[in-house]
Structure formats: C-alpha cells, structure tokens
C-alpha cells in the first residue's frame, strides 16, 4: 500500500480479480463485491468516460466500478466519502452517470461508507 497526495492506494488481489484501488473505501468495496454471490464479475478497468460540464467547462467522469451480476444486468458503482457527497462536481457526475446508465438499461449506485444510494 502506498500513499499519494494523502490517499491510500495499492493493489488488491483476490480470487476474482487483481486491480488497483485509489482509497481504502474502494479496497473495502472490492472485498464486498468479491463476497457477493450475486456478482459475476467487477472491474475498475472498464474504459468508460462519461462527459459532463462543470461551470461551463467540459470534463470526463470515470466511474469506479462496472459490476456485472449473474443475471447479466450491469451497474456502474461509485465510491465516495461522506464529505465529497456534497460537492457540486459529485452531483453533476452522478446526474450524468444516471443518464448514461438509463440509456444503456443499467443502474447507477453511489456507495458511501455506511450506506448506499441507488
């Protein structure tokens, strides 16, 4: 595990996947996904970049996880610490991701420490 700019990051190896995490919350969520019997697979290396605008400037949002369930359904999941939930950029990213997912027939889930928004 290493620290960069105050954020803990590292590589999580599991029976399902070995992928980098950018926070302890992401690492903990990887463990949760690995133990969820409804999850067929998950990845952070999905290549999805969702456009959104912040203060009139274009940006791209890269969600944390693409999760595929045993029934074939897919969802984008984003992990956020509670203080970041209230940022304007978090709200704009969420709204853009929800529209992106709706167009694909997917769901978007915001995962925070202690509770989830769906």
C-alpha atoms as a PDB file:
ATOM      1  CA  UNK A   1       0.000   0.000   0.000  1.00  0.00           C
ATOM      2  CA  UNK A   2       1.348   3.444  -0.833  1.00  0.00           C
ATOM      3  CA  UNK A   3       0.254   6.959  -0.118  1.00  0.00           C
ATOM      4  CA  UNK A   4      -0.043   9.591  -2.827  1.00  0.00           C
ATOM      5  CA  UNK A   5      -1.382  13.047  -2.087  1.00  0.00           C
ATOM      6  CA  UNK A   6      -2.819  11.815   1.196  1.00  0.00           C
ATOM      7  CA  UNK A   7      -4.823   9.000  -0.425  1.00  0.00           C
ATOM      8  CA  UNK A   8      -4.006   5.378   0.225  1.00  0.00           C
ATOM      9  CA  UNK A   9      -3.699   3.286  -2.908  1.00  0.00           C
ATOM     10  CA  UNK A  10      -2.452  -0.182  -3.733  1.00  0.00           C
ATOM     11  CA  UNK A  11      -3.192  -3.454  -5.481  1.00  0.00           C
ATOM     12  CA  UNK A  12      -5.961  -5.761  -4.283  1.00  0.00           C
ATOM     13  CA  UNK A  13      -5.503  -9.409  -5.191  1.00  0.00           C
ATOM     14  CA  UNK A  14      -8.480 -11.697  -4.842  1.00  0.00           C
ATOM     15  CA  UNK A  15      -9.727 -14.972  -6.297  1.00  0.00           C
ATOM     16  CA  UNK A  16     -11.788 -12.955  -8.802  1.00  0.00           C
ATOM     17  CA  UNK A  17      -9.525 -10.029  -9.738  1.00  0.00           C
ATOM     18  CA  UNK A  18      -6.335  -8.133  -9.085  1.00  0.00           C
ATOM     19  CA  UNK A  19      -6.846  -4.417  -9.549  1.00  0.00           C
ATOM     20  CA  UNK A  20      -5.563  -1.146  -8.175  1.00  0.00           C
ATOM     21  CA  UNK A  21      -7.580   0.822  -5.664  1.00  0.00           C
ATOM     22  CA  UNK A  22      -7.380   4.545  -5.027  1.00  0.00           C
ATOM     23  CA  UNK A  23      -8.766   4.644  -1.482  1.00  0.00           C
ATOM     24  CA  UNK A  24      -9.443   2.402   1.477  1.00  0.00           C
ATOM     25  CA  UNK A  25     -13.156   2.714   0.722  1.00  0.00           C
ATOM     26  CA  UNK A  26     -12.541   1.288  -2.780  1.00  0.00           C
ATOM     27  CA  UNK A  27     -10.438  -1.533  -1.326  1.00  0.00           C
ATOM     28  CA  UNK A  28     -13.147  -2.403   1.193  1.00  0.00           C
ATOM     29  CA  UNK A  29     -15.790  -2.325  -1.531  1.00  0.00           C
ATOM     30  CA  UNK A  30     -13.713  -4.715  -3.667  1.00  0.00           C
ATOM     31  CA  UNK A  31     -13.845  -7.183  -0.770  1.00  0.00           C
ATOM     32  CA  UNK A  32     -17.611  -6.721  -0.550  1.00  0.00           C
ATOM     33  CA  UNK A  33     -18.033  -7.321  -4.290  1.00  0.00           C
ATOM     34  CA  UNK A  34     -15.842 -10.441  -4.097  1.00  0.00           C
ATOM     35  CA  UNK A  35     -18.096 -11.876  -1.393  1.00  0.00           C
ATOM     36  CA  UNK A  36     -21.425 -11.001  -3.022  1.00  0.00           C
ATOM     37  CA  UNK A  37     -22.816 -14.235  -4.537  1.00  0.00           C
ATOM     38  CA  UNK A  38     -24.985 -12.227  -6.965  1.00  0.00           C
ATOM     39  CA  UNK A  39     -21.908 -10.603  -8.584  1.00  0.00           C
ATOM     40  CA  UNK A  40     -20.454 -12.473 -11.560  1.00  0.00           C
ATOM     41  CA  UNK A  41     -17.614 -10.006 -12.134  1.00  0.00           C
ATOM     42  CA  UNK A  42     -16.482  -6.439 -11.487  1.00  0.00           C
ATOM     43  CA  UNK A  43     -13.753  -4.209 -12.837  1.00  0.00           C
ATOM     44  CA  UNK A  44     -12.255  -0.780 -12.446  1.00  0.00           C
ATOM     45  CA  UNK A  45     -10.589  -1.178 -15.846  1.00  0.00           C
ATOM     46  CA  UNK A  46     -13.737  -0.633 -17.916  1.00  0.00           C
ATOM     47  CA  UNK A  47     -12.676   2.369 -20.025  1.00  0.00           C
ATOM     48  CA  UNK A  48     -15.958   4.223 -19.504  1.00  0.00           C
ATOM     49  CA  UNK A  49     -15.622   8.021 -19.626  1.00  0.00           C
ATOM     50  CA  UNK A  50     -18.872   9.954 -19.172  1.00  0.00           C
ATOM     51  CA  UNK A  51     -18.881  13.589 -20.322  1.00  0.00           C
ATOM     52  CA  UNK A  52     -20.266  16.300 -18.036  1.00  0.00           C
ATOM     53  CA  UNK A  53     -19.913  20.061 -17.677  1.00  0.00           C
ATOM     54  CA  UNK A  54     -18.728  21.910 -14.600  1.00  0.00           C
ATOM     55  CA  UNK A  55     -19.037  25.705 -14.592  1.00  0.00           C
ATOM     56  CA  UNK A  56     -19.366  25.612 -18.371  1.00  0.00           C
ATOM     57  CA  UNK A  57     -16.193  23.565 -18.944  1.00  0.00           C
ATOM     58  CA  UNK A  58     -16.256  20.009 -20.344  1.00  0.00           C
ATOM     59  CA  UNK A  59     -14.935  17.177 -18.178  1.00  0.00           C
ATOM     60  CA  UNK A  60     -14.921  13.369 -18.256  1.00  0.00           C
ATOM     61  CA  UNK A  61     -16.051  11.222 -15.353  1.00  0.00           C
ATOM     62  CA  UNK A  62     -14.555   7.743 -14.900  1.00  0.00           C
ATOM     63  CA  UNK A  63     -16.785   5.716 -12.539  1.00  0.00           C
ATOM     64  CA  UNK A  64     -15.032   3.444 -10.068  1.00  0.00           C
ATOM     65  CA  UNK A  65     -16.592   0.073 -10.915  1.00  0.00           C
ATOM     66  CA  UNK A  66     -18.514  -1.710 -13.645  1.00  0.00           C
ATOM     67  CA  UNK A  67     -20.340  -4.590 -11.960  1.00  0.00           C
ATOM     68  CA  UNK A  68     -21.937  -7.485 -13.836  1.00  0.00           C
ATOM     69  CA  UNK A  69     -24.442  -9.656 -11.982  1.00  0.00           C
ATOM     70  CA  UNK A  70     -25.218 -13.330 -12.518  1.00  0.00           C
ATOM     71  CA  UNK A  71     -28.470 -12.417 -14.283  1.00  0.00           C
ATOM     72  CA  UNK A  72     -26.475 -10.399 -16.870  1.00  0.00           C
ATOM     73  CA  UNK A  73     -27.515  -6.969 -15.591  1.00  0.00           C
ATOM     74  CA  UNK A  74     -24.839  -4.319 -15.231  1.00  0.00           C
ATOM     75  CA  UNK A  75     -24.361  -1.325 -12.956  1.00  0.00           C
ATOM     76  CA  UNK A  76     -21.851   1.462 -12.529  1.00  0.00           C
ATOM     77  CA  UNK A  77     -20.799   1.962  -8.913  1.00  0.00           C
ATOM     78  CA  UNK A  78     -19.012   4.993  -7.464  1.00  0.00           C
ATOM     79  CA  UNK A  79     -17.452   5.059  -4.000  1.00  0.00           C
ATOM     80  CA  UNK A  80     -17.414   8.374  -2.136  1.00  0.00           C
ATOM     81  CA  UNK A  81     -16.520   9.510   1.339  1.00  0.00           C
ATOM     82  CA  UNK A  82     -19.272  11.477   3.056  1.00  0.00           C
ATOM     83  CA  UNK A  83     -17.668  14.959   2.773  1.00  0.00           C
ATOM     84  CA  UNK A  84     -17.360  14.559  -1.007  1.00  0.00           C
ATOM     85  CA  UNK A  85     -21.059  13.744  -1.368  1.00  0.00           C
ATOM     86  CA  UNK A  86     -21.934  17.389  -1.068  1.00  0.00           C
ATOM     87  CA  UNK A  87     -19.594  18.736  -3.758  1.00  0.00           C
ATOM     88  CA  UNK A  88     -21.134  20.195  -6.913  1.00  0.00           C
ATOM     89  CA  UNK A  89     -18.891  18.025  -9.093  1.00  0.00           C
ATOM     90  CA  UNK A  90     -20.135  14.872  -7.331  1.00  0.00           C
ATOM     91  CA  UNK A  91     -23.746  15.820  -8.050  1.00  0.00           C
ATOM     92  CA  UNK A  92     -23.016  16.625 -11.716  1.00  0.00           C
ATOM     93  CA  UNK A  93     -21.078  13.387 -12.209  1.00  0.00           C
ATOM     94  CA  UNK A  94     -23.919  11.413 -10.616  1.00  0.00           C
ATOM     95  CA  UNK A  95     -26.562  13.056 -12.807  1.00  0.00           C
ATOM     96  CA  UNK A  96     -24.504  12.407 -15.958  1.00  0.00           C
ATOM     97  CA  UNK A  97     -23.860   8.802 -14.928  1.00  0.00           C
ATOM     98  CA  UNK A  98     -27.544   8.198 -14.190  1.00  0.00           C
ATOM     99  CA  UNK A  99     -28.471   9.444 -17.683  1.00  0.00           C
ATOM    100  CA  UNK A 100     -25.691   7.349 -19.256  1.00  0.00           C
ATOM    101  CA  UNK A 101     -26.866   4.232 -17.400  1.00  0.00           C
ATOM    102  CA  UNK A 102     -30.539   4.835 -18.216  1.00  0.00           C
ATOM    103  CA  UNK A 103     -29.673   4.973 -21.930  1.00  0.00           C
ATOM    104  CA  UNK A 104     -27.921   1.585 -21.629  1.00  0.00           C
ATOM    105  CA  UNK A 105     -30.560  -0.040 -19.408  1.00  0.00           C
ATOM    106  CA  UNK A 106     -28.128  -0.117 -16.475  1.00  0.00           C
ATOM    107  CA  UNK A 107     -28.342   1.239 -12.936  1.00  0.00           C
ATOM    108  CA  UNK A 108     -26.028   3.638 -11.144  1.00  0.00           C
ATOM    109  CA  UNK A 109     -25.143   3.186  -7.485  1.00  0.00           C
ATOM    110  CA  UNK A 110     -23.345   5.657  -5.242  1.00  0.00           C
ATOM    111  CA  UNK A 111     -21.615   3.749  -2.430  1.00  0.00           C
ATOM    112  CA  UNK A 112     -20.549   5.597   0.696  1.00  0.00           C
ATOM    113  CA  UNK A 113     -19.142   4.432   3.967  1.00  0.00           C
ATOM    114  CA  UNK A 114     -22.043   3.108   5.971  1.00  0.00           C
ATOM    115  CA  UNK A 115     -24.837   3.398   3.382  1.00  0.00           C
ATOM    116  CA  UNK A 116     -25.660   3.302  -0.339  1.00  0.00           C
ATOM    117  CA  UNK A 117     -27.781   5.449  -2.621  1.00  0.00           C
ATOM    118  CA  UNK A 118     -29.495   3.777  -5.529  1.00  0.00           C
END
